[in-house]
Amino acid sequence: MKCPYCGFTESKVLDSRPTDENNAIRRRRECNNCKERFTTYEKIEQMPIMVIKKDGTREVFDDGKILKGIIKSVEKRPVTMEEVEQAVAHVEAKVNNSMQKEISSTEIGDMVMDELKKLDDVSYVRFASVYRQFKDVESFIAELEEIIKNKQ
């Protein structure tokens, strides 16, 4: 780390403490040359992940959109906000752990559906009916039959 006072490139760490809810580390340093003290912060660099939408446009991944979609699906259902937040966190972790710079909205939608399937069948069907844009009653019934088959 380069000293901000004299430009010397070697220093020693005097103290390290977690900050920002354990998302960063604050380090108190002392320059090996001029003995001046200074503070540095270390945190994980997260590259933005781009979402490729169905129409081919791209936008930055936003977990807030996932939260809104899940909340709409679980409305008036026996699902707690804690369960919703955990589902969003699971989807966000899967997206971040995919190690992809770009991910399709279809992949994200499938991840959301997997989480909703674990939470509540009715919420899952609500989300699926919008997400999959069922063209007719038969395709909707086929999805319901798949849910029933997997429950047995």
Foldseek 3Di string as FASTA:
>chain_A
DADPPPRDDDWDWDDWDADPVNQKIKTWIADPPPRDIDIDIDGDDAQWAWEQEPVRDIDTDDLVVLLVLLCVLCPPHPFDPVLSVVLSVVLVCCVRVVPDSYYYVVVSLVSSLVSVLVPDPSSSLVSCCVVVVDPDVVVSVVVVVVSVVVVD
